[in-house]
Amino acid sequence: KYVEYMGGADAILSKAQDDFEKGEYRWVA
């Protein structure tokens, strides 16, 4: 359900990769 609400796998990975590059590792995890 989280994946569905968050726009699907590609949307999650795109935003999470951006956050990884910002050093927001806790949130990415």
PDB file of all heavy atoms in Angstrom:
ATOM      1  N   LYS A   1       0.832  -1.210   0.000  1.00  0.00           N
ATOM      2  CA  LYS A   1       0.000   0.000   0.000  1.00  0.00           C
ATOM      3  C   LYS A   1       0.867   1.262   0.000  1.00  0.00           C
ATOM      4  O   LYS A   1       0.545   2.242  -0.670  1.00  0.00           O
ATOM      5  CB  LYS A   1      -0.935  -0.006   1.208  1.00  0.00           C
ATOM      6  CG  LYS A   1      -1.880  -1.196   1.274  1.00  0.00           C
ATOM      7  CD  LYS A   1      -2.792  -1.267   0.061  1.00  0.00           C
ATOM      8  CE  LYS A   1      -3.801  -0.145   0.007  1.00  0.00           C
ATOM      9  NZ  LYS A   1      -4.718  -0.277  -1.150  1.00  0.00           N
ATOM     10  N   TYR A   2       1.974   1.257   0.755  1.00  0.00           N
ATOM     11  CA  TYR A   2       2.872   2.406   0.739  1.00  0.00           C
ATOM     12  C   TYR A   2       3.375   2.679  -0.681  1.00  0.00           C
ATOM     13  O   TYR A   2       3.395   3.819  -1.152  1.00  0.00           O
ATOM     14  CB  TYR A   2       4.071   2.176   1.662  1.00  0.00           C
ATOM     15  CG  TYR A   2       3.848   2.529   3.109  1.00  0.00           C
ATOM     16  CD1 TYR A   2       3.913   1.560   4.111  1.00  0.00           C
ATOM     17  CD2 TYR A   2       3.603   3.839   3.491  1.00  0.00           C
ATOM     18  CE1 TYR A   2       3.718   1.881   5.441  1.00  0.00           C
ATOM     19  CE2 TYR A   2       3.418   4.178   4.821  1.00  0.00           C
ATOM     20  CZ  TYR A   2       3.470   3.194   5.799  1.00  0.00           C
ATOM     21  OH  TYR A   2       3.277   3.522   7.114  1.00  0.00           O
ATOM     22  N   VAL A   3       3.794   1.633  -1.366  1.00  0.00           N
ATOM     23  CA  VAL A   3       4.319   1.798  -2.723  1.00  0.00           C
ATOM     24  C   VAL A   3       3.246   2.354  -3.649  1.00  0.00           C
ATOM     25  O   VAL A   3       3.497   3.248  -4.470  1.00  0.00           O
ATOM     26  CB  VAL A   3       4.888   0.469  -3.246  1.00  0.00           C
ATOM     27  CG1 VAL A   3       5.234   0.571  -4.731  1.00  0.00           C
ATOM     28  CG2 VAL A   3       6.119   0.064  -2.445  1.00  0.00           C
ATOM     29  N   GLU A   4       2.027   1.840  -3.496  1.00  0.00           N
ATOM     30  CA  GLU A   4       0.919   2.345  -4.308  1.00  0.00           C
ATOM     31  C   GLU A   4       0.672   3.823  -4.024  1.00  0.00           C
ATOM     32  O   GLU A   4       0.557   4.646  -4.950  1.00  0.00           O
ATOM     33  CB  GLU A   4      -0.343   1.533  -4.014  1.00  0.00           C
ATOM     34  CG  GLU A   4      -1.588   2.017  -4.745  1.00  0.00           C
ATOM     35  CD  GLU A   4      -2.853   1.326  -4.273  1.00  0.00           C
ATOM     36  OE1 GLU A   4      -2.753   0.271  -3.615  1.00  0.00           O
ATOM     37  OE2 GLU A   4      -3.952   1.856  -4.538  1.00  0.00           O
ATOM     38  N   TYR A   5       0.602   4.199  -2.750  1.00  0.00           N
ATOM     39  CA  TYR A   5       0.323   5.588  -2.377  1.00  0.00           C
ATOM     40  C   TYR A   5       1.460   6.529  -2.779  1.00  0.00           C
ATOM     41  O   TYR A   5       1.230   7.717  -3.025  1.00  0.00           O
ATOM     42  CB  TYR A   5       0.104   5.684  -0.866  1.00  0.00           C
ATOM     43  CG  TYR A   5      -1.296   5.355  -0.393  1.00  0.00           C
ATOM     44  CD1 TYR A   5      -2.033   4.325  -0.976  1.00  0.00           C
ATOM     45  CD2 TYR A   5      -1.878   6.053   0.654  1.00  0.00           C
ATOM     46  CE1 TYR A   5      -3.302   4.006  -0.531  1.00  0.00           C
ATOM     47  CE2 TYR A   5      -3.151   5.748   1.115  1.00  0.00           C
ATOM     48  CZ  TYR A   5      -3.864   4.722   0.520  1.00  0.00           C
ATOM     49  OH  TYR A   5      -5.123   4.414   0.960  1.00  0.00           O
ATOM     50  N   MET A   6       2.674   6.011  -2.804  1.00  0.00           N
ATOM     51  CA  MET A   6       3.843   6.844  -3.069  1.00  0.00           C
ATOM     52  C   MET A   6       4.165   6.936  -4.559  1.00  0.00           C
ATOM     53  O   MET A   6       5.197   7.488  -4.938  1.00  0.00           O
ATOM     54  CB  MET A   6       5.050   6.309  -2.282  1.00  0.00           C
ATOM     55  CG  MET A   6       4.881   6.463  -0.767  1.00  0.00           C
ATOM     56  SD  MET A   6       5.870   5.308   0.223  1.00  0.00           S
ATOM     57  CE  MET A   6       7.507   5.955  -0.026  1.00  0.00           C
ATOM     58  N   GLY A   7       3.286   6.412  -5.416  1.00  0.00           N
ATOM     59  CA  GLY A   7       3.445   6.604  -6.853  1.00  0.00           C
ATOM     60  C   GLY A   7       4.174   5.509  -7.583  1.00  0.00           C
ATOM     61  O   GLY A   7       4.526   5.677  -8.752  1.00  0.00           O
ATOM     62  N   GLY A   8       4.445   4.376  -6.923  1.00  0.00           N
ATOM     63  CA  GLY A   8       5.086   3.257  -7.582  1.00  0.00           C
ATOM     64  C   GLY A   8       6.592   3.231  -7.395  1.00  0.00           C
ATOM     65  O   GLY A   8       7.211   4.169  -6.880  1.00  0.00           O
ATOM     66  N   ALA A   9       7.192   2.139  -7.865  1.00  0.00           N
ATOM     67  CA  ALA A   9       8.600   1.878  -7.624  1.00  0.00           C
ATOM     68  C   ALA A   9       9.507   2.945  -8.226  1.00  0.00           C
ATOM     69  O   ALA A   9      10.451   3.423  -7.580  1.00  0.00           O
ATOM     70  CB  ALA A   9       8.971   0.495  -8.160  1.00  0.00           C
ATOM     71  N   ASP A  10       9.248   3.339  -9.467  1.00  0.00           N
ATOM     72  CA  ASP A  10      10.122   4.311 -10.116  1.00  0.00           C
ATOM     73  C   ASP A  10      10.110   5.652  -9.392  1.00  0.00           C
ATOM     74  O   ASP A  10      11.158   6.305  -9.243  1.00  0.00           O
ATOM     75  CB  ASP A  10       9.713   4.495 -11.576  1.00  0.00           C
ATOM     76  CG  ASP A  10      10.114   3.313 -12.451  1.00  0.00           C
ATOM     77  OD1 ASP A  10      10.968   2.520 -11.996  1.00  0.00           O
ATOM     78  OD2 ASP A  10       9.578   3.171 -13.566  1.00  0.00           O
ATOM     79  N   ALA A  11       8.917   6.071  -8.962  1.00  0.00           N
ATOM     80  CA  ALA A  11       8.827   7.342  -8.242  1.00  0.00           C
ATOM     81  C   ALA A  11       9.609   7.282  -6.937  1.00  0.00           C
ATOM     82  O   ALA A  11      10.325   8.228  -6.573  1.00  0.00           O
ATOM     83  CB  ALA A  11       7.362   7.677  -7.967  1.00  0.00           C
ATOM     84  N   ILE A  12       9.486   6.175  -6.226  1.00  0.00           N
ATOM     85  CA  ILE A  12      10.199   6.027  -4.948  1.00  0.00           C
ATOM     86  C   ILE A  12      11.705   6.035  -5.182  1.00  0.00           C
ATOM     87  O   ILE A  12      12.463   6.751  -4.510  1.00  0.00           O
ATOM     88  CB  ILE A  12       9.764   4.732  -4.238  1.00  0.00           C
ATOM     89  CG1 ILE A  12       8.296   4.812  -3.834  1.00  0.00           C
ATOM     90  CG2 ILE A  12      10.640   4.462  -3.025  1.00  0.00           C
ATOM     91  CD1 ILE A  12       7.731   3.499  -3.337  1.00  0.00           C
ATOM     92  N   LEU A  13      12.157   5.245  -6.152  1.00  0.00           N
ATOM     93  CA  LEU A  13      13.594   5.143  -6.387  1.00  0.00           C
ATOM     94  C   LEU A  13      14.192   6.460  -6.850  1.00  0.00           C
ATOM     95  O   LEU A  13      15.305   6.828  -6.454  1.00  0.00           O
ATOM     96  CB  LEU A  13      13.871   4.039  -7.411  1.00  0.00           C
ATOM     97  CG  LEU A  13      13.663   2.607  -6.909  1.00  0.00           C
ATOM     98  CD1 LEU A  13      13.778   1.610  -8.052  1.00  0.00           C
ATOM     99  CD2 LEU A  13      14.665   2.263  -5.813  1.00  0.00           C
ATOM    100  N   SER A  14      13.456   7.198  -7.675  1.00  0.00           N
ATOM    101  CA  SER A  14      13.960   8.479  -8.159  1.00  0.00           C
ATOM    102  C   SER A  14      14.160   9.455  -7.010  1.00  0.00           C
ATOM    103  O   SER A  14      15.222  10.090  -6.878  1.00  0.00           O
ATOM    104  CB  SER A  14      12.988   9.061  -9.191  1.00  0.00           C
ATOM    105  OG  SER A  14      13.430  10.328  -9.634  1.00  0.00           O
ATOM    106  N   LYS A  15      13.151   9.588  -6.183  1.00  0.00           N
ATOM    107  CA  LYS A  15      13.243  10.519  -5.060  1.00  0.00           C
ATOM    108  C   LYS A  15      14.245  10.031  -4.014  1.00  0.00           C
ATOM    109  O   LYS A  15      14.999  10.824  -3.435  1.00  0.00           O
ATOM    110  CB  LYS A  15      11.864  10.703  -4.435  1.00  0.00           C
ATOM    111  CG  LYS A  15      10.869  11.398  -5.351  1.00  0.00           C
ATOM    112  CD  LYS A  15       9.480  11.432  -4.737  1.00  0.00           C
ATOM    113  CE  LYS A  15       8.470  12.095  -5.689  1.00  0.00           C
ATOM    114  NZ  LYS A  15       7.102  12.077  -5.150  1.00  0.00           N
ATOM    115  N   ALA A  16      14.256   8.731  -3.791  1.00  0.00           N
ATOM    116  CA  ALA A  16      15.161   8.186  -2.772  1.00  0.00           C
ATOM    117  C   ALA A  16      16.617   8.327  -3.201  1.00  0.00           C
ATOM    118  O   ALA A  16      17.497   8.579  -2.364  1.00  0.00           O
ATOM    119  CB  ALA A  16      14.821   6.725  -2.490  1.00  0.00           C
ATOM    120  N   GLN A  17      16.887   8.155  -4.490  1.00  0.00           N
ATOM    121  CA  GLN A  17      18.259   8.343  -4.962  1.00  0.00           C
ATOM    122  C   GLN A  17      18.694   9.791  -4.769  1.00  0.00           C
ATOM    123  O   GLN A  17      19.832  10.071  -4.362  1.00  0.00           O
ATOM    124  CB  GLN A  17      18.378   7.944  -6.429  1.00  0.00           C
ATOM    125  CG  GLN A  17      19.772   8.117  -7.017  1.00  0.00           C
ATOM    126  CD  GLN A  17      20.826   7.253  -6.334  1.00  0.00           C
ATOM    127  OE1 GLN A  17      20.540   6.133  -5.892  1.00  0.00           O
ATOM    128  NE2 GLN A  17      22.044   7.768  -6.222  1.00  0.00           N
ATOM    129  N   ASP A  18      17.792  10.729  -5.033  1.00  0.00           N
ATOM    130  CA  ASP A  18      18.108  12.144  -4.791  1.00  0.00           C
ATOM    131  C   ASP A  18      18.416  12.378  -3.315  1.00  0.00           C
ATOM    132  O   ASP A  18      19.376  13.100  -2.977  1.00  0.00           O
ATOM    133  CB  ASP A  18      16.934  13.032  -5.223  1.00  0.00           C
ATOM    134  CG  ASP A  18      16.782  13.107  -6.738  1.00  0.00           C
ATOM    135  OD1 ASP A  18      17.731  12.734  -7.454  1.00  0.00           O
ATOM    136  OD2 ASP A  18      15.698  13.531  -7.190  1.00  0.00           O
ATOM    137  N   ASP A  19      17.609  11.791  -2.443  1.00  0.00           N
ATOM    138  CA  ASP A  19      17.833  11.966  -1.007  1.00  0.00           C
ATOM    139  C   ASP A  19      19.112  11.279  -0.552  1.00  0.00           C
ATOM    140  O   ASP A  19      19.795  11.752   0.363  1.00  0.00           O
ATOM    141  CB  ASP A  19      16.628  11.445  -0.220  1.00  0.00           C
ATOM    142  CG  ASP A  19      15.431  12.384  -0.298  1.00  0.00           C
ATOM    143  OD1 ASP A  19      15.645  13.581  -0.577  1.00  0.00           O
ATOM    144  OD2 ASP A  19      14.296  11.928  -0.080  1.00  0.00           O
ATOM    145  N   PHE A  20      19.438  10.134  -1.178  1.00  0.00           N
ATOM    146  CA  PHE A  20      20.707   9.470  -0.861  1.00  0.00           C
ATOM    147  C   PHE A  20      21.872  10.406  -1.158  1.00  0.00           C
ATOM    148  O   PHE A  20      22.811  10.533  -0.355  1.00  0.00           O
ATOM    149  CB  PHE A  20      20.844   8.180  -1.670  1.00  0.00           C
ATOM    150  CG  PHE A  20      22.150   7.468  -1.462  1.00  0.00           C
ATOM    151  CD1 PHE A  20      22.321   6.598  -0.392  1.00  0.00           C
ATOM    152  CD2 PHE A  20      23.231   7.689  -2.310  1.00  0.00           C
ATOM    153  CE1 PHE A  20      23.537   5.959  -0.179  1.00  0.00           C
ATOM    154  CE2 PHE A  20      24.447   7.056  -2.109  1.00  0.00           C
ATOM    155  CZ  PHE A  20      24.598   6.187  -1.040  1.00  0.00           C
ATOM    156  N   GLU A  21      21.813  11.089  -2.296  1.00  0.00           N
ATOM    157  CA  GLU A  21      22.898  11.990  -2.670  1.00  0.00           C
ATOM    158  C   GLU A  21      22.965  13.206  -1.751  1.00  0.00           C
ATOM    159  O   GLU A  21      24.022  13.832  -1.629  1.00  0.00           O
ATOM    160  CB  GLU A  21      22.719  12.416  -4.128  1.00  0.00           C
ATOM    161  CG  GLU A  21      22.954  11.250  -5.090  1.00  0.00           C
ATOM    162  CD  GLU A  21      22.526  11.544  -6.518  1.00  0.00           C
ATOM    163  OE1 GLU A  21      22.086  12.694  -6.782  1.00  0.00           O
ATOM    164  OE2 GLU A  21      22.618  10.641  -7.357  1.00  0.00           O
ATOM    165  N   LYS A  22      21.860  13.505  -1.069  1.00  0.00           N
ATOM    166  CA  LYS A  22      21.858  14.592  -0.085  1.00  0.00           C
ATOM    167  C   LYS A  22      22.336  14.117   1.297  1.00  0.00           C
ATOM    168  O   LYS A  22      22.453  14.917   2.225  1.00  0.00           O
ATOM    169  CB  LYS A  22      20.454  15.169   0.058  1.00  0.00           C
ATOM    170  CG  LYS A  22      19.903  15.827  -1.207  1.00  0.00           C
ATOM    171  CD  LYS A  22      18.441  16.212  -0.993  1.00  0.00           C
ATOM    172  CE  LYS A  22      17.791  16.710  -2.267  1.00  0.00           C
ATOM    173  NZ  LYS A  22      16.329  16.939  -2.091  1.00  0.00           N
ATOM    174  N   GLY A  23      22.561  12.818   1.436  1.00  0.00           N
ATOM    175  CA  GLY A  23      23.007  12.281   2.721  1.00  0.00           C
ATOM    176  C   GLY A  23      21.893  11.963   3.693  1.00  0.00           C
ATOM    177  O   GLY A  23      22.147  11.772   4.891  1.00  0.00           O
ATOM    178  N   GLU A  24      20.658  11.868   3.206  1.00  0.00           N
ATOM    179  CA  GLU A  24      19.513  11.583   4.085  1.00  0.00           C
ATOM    180  C   GLU A  24      19.298  10.070   4.169  1.00  0.00           C
ATOM    181  O   GLU A  24      18.259   9.530   3.771  1.00  0.00           O
ATOM    182  CB  GLU A  24      18.266  12.293   3.572  1.00  0.00           C
ATOM    183  CG  GLU A  24      18.410  13.810   3.599  1.00  0.00           C
ATOM    184  CD  GLU A  24      17.198  14.542   3.042  1.00  0.00           C
ATOM    185  OE1 GLU A  24      16.182  13.877   2.742  1.00  0.00           O
ATOM    186  OE2 GLU A  24      17.265  15.773   2.912  1.00  0.00           O
ATOM    187  N   TYR A  25      20.287   9.367   4.732  1.00  0.00           N
ATOM    188  CA  TYR A  25      20.323   7.910   4.675  1.00  0.00           C
ATOM    189  C   TYR A  25      19.248   7.257   5.542  1.00  0.00           C
ATOM    190  O   TYR A  25      18.711   6.200   5.186  1.00  0.00           O
ATOM    191  CB  TYR A  25      21.707   7.398   5.080  1.00  0.00           C
ATOM    192  CG  TYR A  25      22.835   8.045   4.304  1.00  0.00           C
ATOM    193  CD1 TYR A  25      23.894   8.668   4.969  1.00  0.00           C
ATOM    194  CD2 TYR A  25      22.830   8.065   2.914  1.00  0.00           C
ATOM    195  CE1 TYR A  25      24.926   9.270   4.273  1.00  0.00           C
ATOM    196  CE2 TYR A  25      23.864   8.665   2.197  1.00  0.00           C
ATOM    197  CZ  TYR A  25      24.897   9.273   2.885  1.00  0.00           C
ATOM    198  OH  TYR A  25      25.921   9.890   2.191  1.00  0.00           O
ATOM    199  N   ARG A  26      18.948   7.855   6.657  1.00  0.00           N
ATOM    200  CA  ARG A  26      17.901   7.282   7.520  1.00  0.00           C
ATOM    201  C   ARG A  26      16.572   7.255   6.795  1.00  0.00           C
ATOM    202  O   ARG A  26      15.845   6.261   6.830  1.00  0.00           O
ATOM    203  CB  ARG A  26      17.771   8.089   8.817  1.00  0.00           C
ATOM    204  CG  ARG A  26      18.905   7.904   9.805  1.00  0.00           C
ATOM    205  CD  ARG A  26      18.742   8.835  10.999  1.00  0.00           C
ATOM    206  NE  ARG A  26      17.602   8.518  11.819  1.00  0.00           N
ATOM    207  CZ  ARG A  26      17.142   9.290  12.806  1.00  0.00           C
ATOM    208  NH1 ARG A  26      17.738  10.454  13.057  1.00  0.00           N
ATOM    209  NH2 ARG A  26      16.100   8.924  13.517  1.00  0.00           N
ATOM    210  N   TRP A  27      16.249   8.363   6.154  1.00  0.00           N
ATOM    211  CA  TRP A  27      14.973   8.425   5.446  1.00  0.00           C
ATOM    212  C   TRP A  27      14.955   7.492   4.238  1.00  0.00           C
ATOM    213  O   TRP A  27      13.971   6.800   3.984  1.00  0.00           O
ATOM    214  CB  TRP A  27      14.661   9.848   5.004  1.00  0.00           C
ATOM    215  CG  TRP A  27      13.531   9.883   4.031  1.00  0.00           C
ATOM    216  CD1 TRP A  27      13.563  10.307   2.746  1.00  0.00           C
ATOM    217  CD2 TRP A  27      12.203   9.420   4.257  1.00  0.00           C
ATOM    218  NE1 TRP A  27      12.347  10.143   2.147  1.00  0.00           N
ATOM    219  CE2 TRP A  27      11.484   9.592   3.064  1.00  0.00           C
ATOM    220  CE3 TRP A  27      11.553   8.867   5.364  1.00  0.00           C
ATOM    221  CZ2 TRP A  27      10.151   9.241   2.928  1.00  0.00           C
ATOM    222  CZ3 TRP A  27      10.211   8.516   5.243  1.00  0.00           C
ATOM    223  CH2 TRP A  27       9.528   8.697   4.042  1.00  0.00           C
ATOM    224  N   VAL A  28      16.055   7.436   3.510  1.00  0.00           N
ATOM    225  CA  VAL A  28      16.127   6.524   2.363  1.00  0.00           C
ATOM    226  C   VAL A  28      15.891   5.087   2.827  1.00  0.00           C
ATOM    227  O   VAL A  28      15.158   4.320   2.187  1.00  0.00           O
ATOM    228  CB  VAL A  28      17.490   6.655   1.648  1.00  0.00           C
ATOM    229  CG1 VAL A  28      17.643   5.580   0.569  1.00  0.00           C
ATOM    230  CG2 VAL A  28      17.626   8.044   1.027  1.00  0.00           C
ATOM    231  N   ALA A  29      16.490   4.717   3.945  1.00  0.00           N
ATOM    232  CA  ALA A  29      16.303   3.358   4.470  1.00  0.00           C
ATOM    233  C   ALA A  29      14.839   3.099   4.809  1.00  0.00           C
ATOM    234  O   ALA A  29      14.299   2.032   4.495  1.00  0.00           O
ATOM    235  CB  ALA A  29      17.187   3.141   5.695  1.00  0.00           C
TER     236      ALA A  29
END
